[in-house]
Amino acid sequence: MKNLSVQRLAHHWSKSELGRRASLHPARVGQAENGRAVLYDIELRRLADALGWQDDPRTLLEEARGGEATP
């Protein structure tokens, strides 16, 4: 599971809720989680900001280590 999915679930947010908070369409969030889309840097930044992700936003698309939610 990607860090993005882990973080979204750790917040107990649906894809719609994360999309709303990041100003992205929920389908775009799903595509990012499933690896079916390449996101623009601004989209990654919006997701990272919405989730409070302090690391490089690109790491949201990496596989989570041990399924842990690491902000």
N, C-alpha and C. Protein backbone atom coordinates (compact mmCIF):
# COMPACT_ATOMS: atom_id res chain seq x y z
N MET A 1 0.84 -1.17 0.00
CA MET A 1 0.00 0.00 0.00
C MET A 1 0.89 1.24 0.00
N LYS A 2 0.51 2.22 -0.78
CA LYS A 2 1.29 3.44 -0.88
C LYS A 2 1.11 4.32 0.36
N ASN A 3 2.12 5.13 0.64
CA ASN A 3 2.04 6.07 1.76
C ASN A 3 0.77 6.92 1.67
N LEU A 4 0.38 7.29 0.47
CA LEU A 4 -0.81 8.11 0.28
C LEU A 4 -2.03 7.41 0.86
N SER A 5 -2.22 6.15 0.52
CA SER A 5 -3.36 5.39 1.04
C SER A 5 -3.29 5.24 2.55
N VAL A 6 -2.10 4.93 3.04
CA VAL A 6 -1.91 4.74 4.49
C VAL A 6 -2.26 6.03 5.23
N GLN A 7 -1.77 7.16 4.73
CA GLN A 7 -2.03 8.43 5.38
C GLN A 7 -3.51 8.80 5.32
N ARG A 8 -4.12 8.58 4.17
CA ARG A 8 -5.55 8.90 4.03
C ARG A 8 -6.37 8.07 5.02
N LEU A 9 -6.08 6.79 5.10
CA LEU A 9 -6.81 5.91 6.02
C LEU A 9 -6.51 6.25 7.47
N ALA A 10 -5.29 6.67 7.77
CA ALA A 10 -4.94 7.06 9.14
C ALA A 10 -5.76 8.26 9.60
N HIS A 11 -6.14 9.11 8.65
CA HIS A 11 -6.98 10.27 8.96
C HIS A 11 -8.47 9.90 8.95
N HIS A 12 -8.77 8.67 8.56
CA HIS A 12 -10.16 8.20 8.44
C HIS A 12 -10.93 9.01 7.41
N TRP A 13 -10.24 9.33 6.31
CA TRP A 13 -10.84 10.11 5.24
C TRP A 13 -11.13 9.22 4.05
N SER A 14 -12.21 9.51 3.38
CA SER A 14 -12.50 8.88 2.09
C SER A 14 -11.66 9.58 1.02
N LYS A 15 -11.65 9.02 -0.16
CA LYS A 15 -10.97 9.67 -1.27
C LYS A 15 -11.63 11.01 -1.58
N SER A 16 -12.95 11.04 -1.42
CA SER A 16 -13.68 12.30 -1.64
C SER A 16 -13.25 13.37 -0.65
N GLU A 17 -13.10 12.99 0.62
CA GLU A 17 -12.71 13.96 1.63
C GLU A 17 -11.29 14.47 1.39
N LEU A 18 -10.37 13.58 1.09
CA LEU A 18 -9.01 14.02 0.79
C LEU A 18 -9.00 14.90 -0.44
N GLY A 19 -9.74 14.51 -1.46
CA GLY A 19 -9.83 15.32 -2.66
C GLY A 19 -10.36 16.71 -2.37
N ARG A 20 -11.38 16.78 -1.53
CA ARG A 20 -11.95 18.08 -1.16
C ARG A 20 -10.91 18.94 -0.45
N ARG A 21 -10.20 18.35 0.50
CA ARG A 21 -9.21 19.08 1.27
C ARG A 21 -8.00 19.50 0.43
N ALA A 22 -7.70 18.72 -0.61
CA ALA A 22 -6.55 19.01 -1.48
C ALA A 22 -6.95 19.70 -2.78
N SER A 23 -8.22 20.00 -2.94
CA SER A 23 -8.74 20.62 -4.17
C SER A 23 -8.44 19.77 -5.40
N LEU A 24 -8.66 18.46 -5.24
CA LEU A 24 -8.49 17.52 -6.35
C LEU A 24 -9.75 16.67 -6.48
N HIS A 25 -10.02 16.19 -7.67
CA HIS A 25 -11.15 15.29 -7.87
C HIS A 25 -10.85 13.97 -7.18
N PRO A 26 -11.85 13.37 -6.52
CA PRO A 26 -11.62 12.09 -5.84
C PRO A 26 -11.07 11.00 -6.77
N ALA A 27 -11.46 11.03 -8.03
CA ALA A 27 -10.94 10.04 -8.99
C ALA A 27 -9.43 10.22 -9.15
N ARG A 28 -8.97 11.44 -9.09
CA ARG A 28 -7.53 11.71 -9.21
C ARG A 28 -6.79 11.13 -8.01
N VAL A 29 -7.39 11.22 -6.82
CA VAL A 29 -6.80 10.62 -5.63
C VAL A 29 -6.71 9.11 -5.81
N GLY A 30 -7.78 8.50 -6.29
CA GLY A 30 -7.79 7.06 -6.52
C GLY A 30 -6.77 6.63 -7.54
N GLN A 31 -6.63 7.40 -8.61
CA GLN A 31 -5.64 7.08 -9.64
C GLN A 31 -4.24 7.15 -9.07
N ALA A 32 -3.98 8.14 -8.22
CA ALA A 32 -2.66 8.28 -7.60
C ALA A 32 -2.39 7.09 -6.68
N GLU A 33 -3.39 6.70 -5.90
CA GLU A 33 -3.21 5.58 -4.99
C GLU A 33 -2.96 4.27 -5.73
N ASN A 34 -3.59 4.12 -6.87
CA ASN A 34 -3.46 2.88 -7.65
C ASN A 34 -2.33 2.92 -8.67
N GLY A 35 -1.62 4.02 -8.74
CA GLY A 35 -0.50 4.12 -9.67
C GLY A 35 -0.91 4.25 -11.12
N ARG A 36 -2.14 4.70 -11.37
CA ARG A 36 -2.61 4.83 -12.74
C ARG A 36 -2.46 6.23 -13.30
N ALA A 37 -1.91 7.14 -12.49
CA ALA A 37 -1.74 8.51 -12.95
C ALA A 37 -0.41 9.06 -12.46
N VAL A 38 0.16 9.92 -13.26
CA VAL A 38 1.34 10.67 -12.85
C VAL A 38 0.83 12.04 -12.42
N LEU A 39 1.09 12.39 -11.17
CA LEU A 39 0.59 13.65 -10.66
C LEU A 39 1.58 14.78 -10.91
N TYR A 40 1.03 15.96 -11.11
CA TYR A 40 1.85 17.16 -11.20
C TYR A 40 2.40 17.48 -9.81
N ASP A 41 3.51 18.20 -9.76
CA ASP A 41 4.10 18.58 -8.47
C ASP A 41 3.10 19.33 -7.60
N ILE A 42 2.31 20.20 -8.19
CA ILE A 42 1.34 20.98 -7.42
C ILE A 42 0.28 20.06 -6.80
N GLU A 43 -0.11 19.02 -7.52
CA GLU A 43 -1.09 18.07 -6.97
C GLU A 43 -0.50 17.32 -5.79
N LEU A 44 0.75 16.91 -5.92
CA LEU A 44 1.42 16.22 -4.80
C LEU A 44 1.55 17.15 -3.60
N ARG A 45 1.88 18.40 -3.84
CA ARG A 45 2.01 19.37 -2.75
C ARG A 45 0.67 19.57 -2.05
N ARG A 46 -0.41 19.66 -2.81
CA ARG A 46 -1.73 19.82 -2.21
C ARG A 46 -2.10 18.63 -1.34
N LEU A 47 -1.80 17.43 -1.84
CA LEU A 47 -2.08 16.22 -1.05
C LEU A 47 -1.24 16.21 0.23
N ALA A 48 0.04 16.52 0.08
CA ALA A 48 0.93 16.53 1.24
C ALA A 48 0.47 17.55 2.28
N ASP A 49 0.10 18.72 1.83
CA ASP A 49 -0.37 19.76 2.74
C ASP A 49 -1.65 19.34 3.45
N ALA A 50 -2.58 18.77 2.70
CA ALA A 50 -3.84 18.33 3.29
C ALA A 50 -3.61 17.27 4.37
N LEU A 51 -2.63 16.39 4.13
CA LEU A 51 -2.36 15.30 5.06
C LEU A 51 -1.38 15.68 6.17
N GLY A 52 -0.78 16.86 6.05
CA GLY A 52 0.24 17.25 7.02
C GLY A 52 1.53 16.47 6.86
N TRP A 53 1.80 16.03 5.64
CA TRP A 53 2.98 15.22 5.31
C TRP A 53 4.20 16.12 5.27
N GLN A 54 5.18 15.84 6.10
CA GLN A 54 6.36 16.69 6.21
C GLN A 54 7.51 16.27 5.29
N ASP A 55 7.50 15.03 4.83
CA ASP A 55 8.56 14.55 3.94
C ASP A 55 8.34 15.07 2.52
N ASP A 56 9.25 14.74 1.64
CA ASP A 56 9.12 15.08 0.23
C ASP A 56 7.77 14.55 -0.28
N PRO A 57 6.96 15.39 -0.90
CA PRO A 57 5.65 14.94 -1.37
C PRO A 57 5.70 13.72 -2.30
N ARG A 58 6.79 13.57 -3.03
CA ARG A 58 6.90 12.42 -3.94
C ARG A 58 6.90 11.10 -3.19
N THR A 59 7.30 11.14 -1.91
CA THR A 59 7.33 9.89 -1.13
C THR A 59 5.93 9.42 -0.78
N LEU A 60 4.92 10.25 -0.99
CA LEU A 60 3.54 9.79 -0.79
C LEU A 60 3.18 8.67 -1.75
N LEU A 61 3.85 8.64 -2.90
CA LEU A 61 3.53 7.64 -3.91
C LEU A 61 4.37 6.38 -3.78
N GLU A 62 5.27 6.36 -2.81
CA GLU A 62 6.09 5.18 -2.57
C GLU A 62 5.32 4.19 -1.70
N GLU A 63 5.75 2.95 -1.77
CA GLU A 63 5.15 1.92 -0.92
C GLU A 63 5.51 2.20 0.53
N ALA A 64 4.52 2.09 1.40
CA ALA A 64 4.74 2.30 2.82
C ALA A 64 5.53 1.13 3.39
N ARG A 65 6.42 1.43 4.30
CA ARG A 65 7.20 0.38 4.94
C ARG A 65 6.45 -0.14 6.15
N GLY A 66 6.14 -1.40 6.13
CA GLY A 66 5.48 -2.02 7.27
C GLY A 66 4.06 -1.55 7.49
N GLY A 67 3.48 -0.84 6.52
CA GLY A 67 2.11 -0.37 6.64
C GLY A 67 1.93 0.70 7.70
N GLU A 68 3.02 1.32 8.15
CA GLU A 68 2.92 2.33 9.19
C GLU A 68 2.57 3.69 8.57
N ALA A 69 1.82 4.45 9.32
CA ALA A 69 1.53 5.82 8.91
C ALA A 69 2.59 6.72 9.49
N THR A 70 3.46 7.26 8.62
CA THR A 70 4.55 8.09 9.08
C THR A 70 4.37 9.50 8.55
N PRO A 71 3.98 10.44 9.39
CA PRO A 71 3.77 11.81 8.91
C PRO A 71 5.04 12.52 8.55
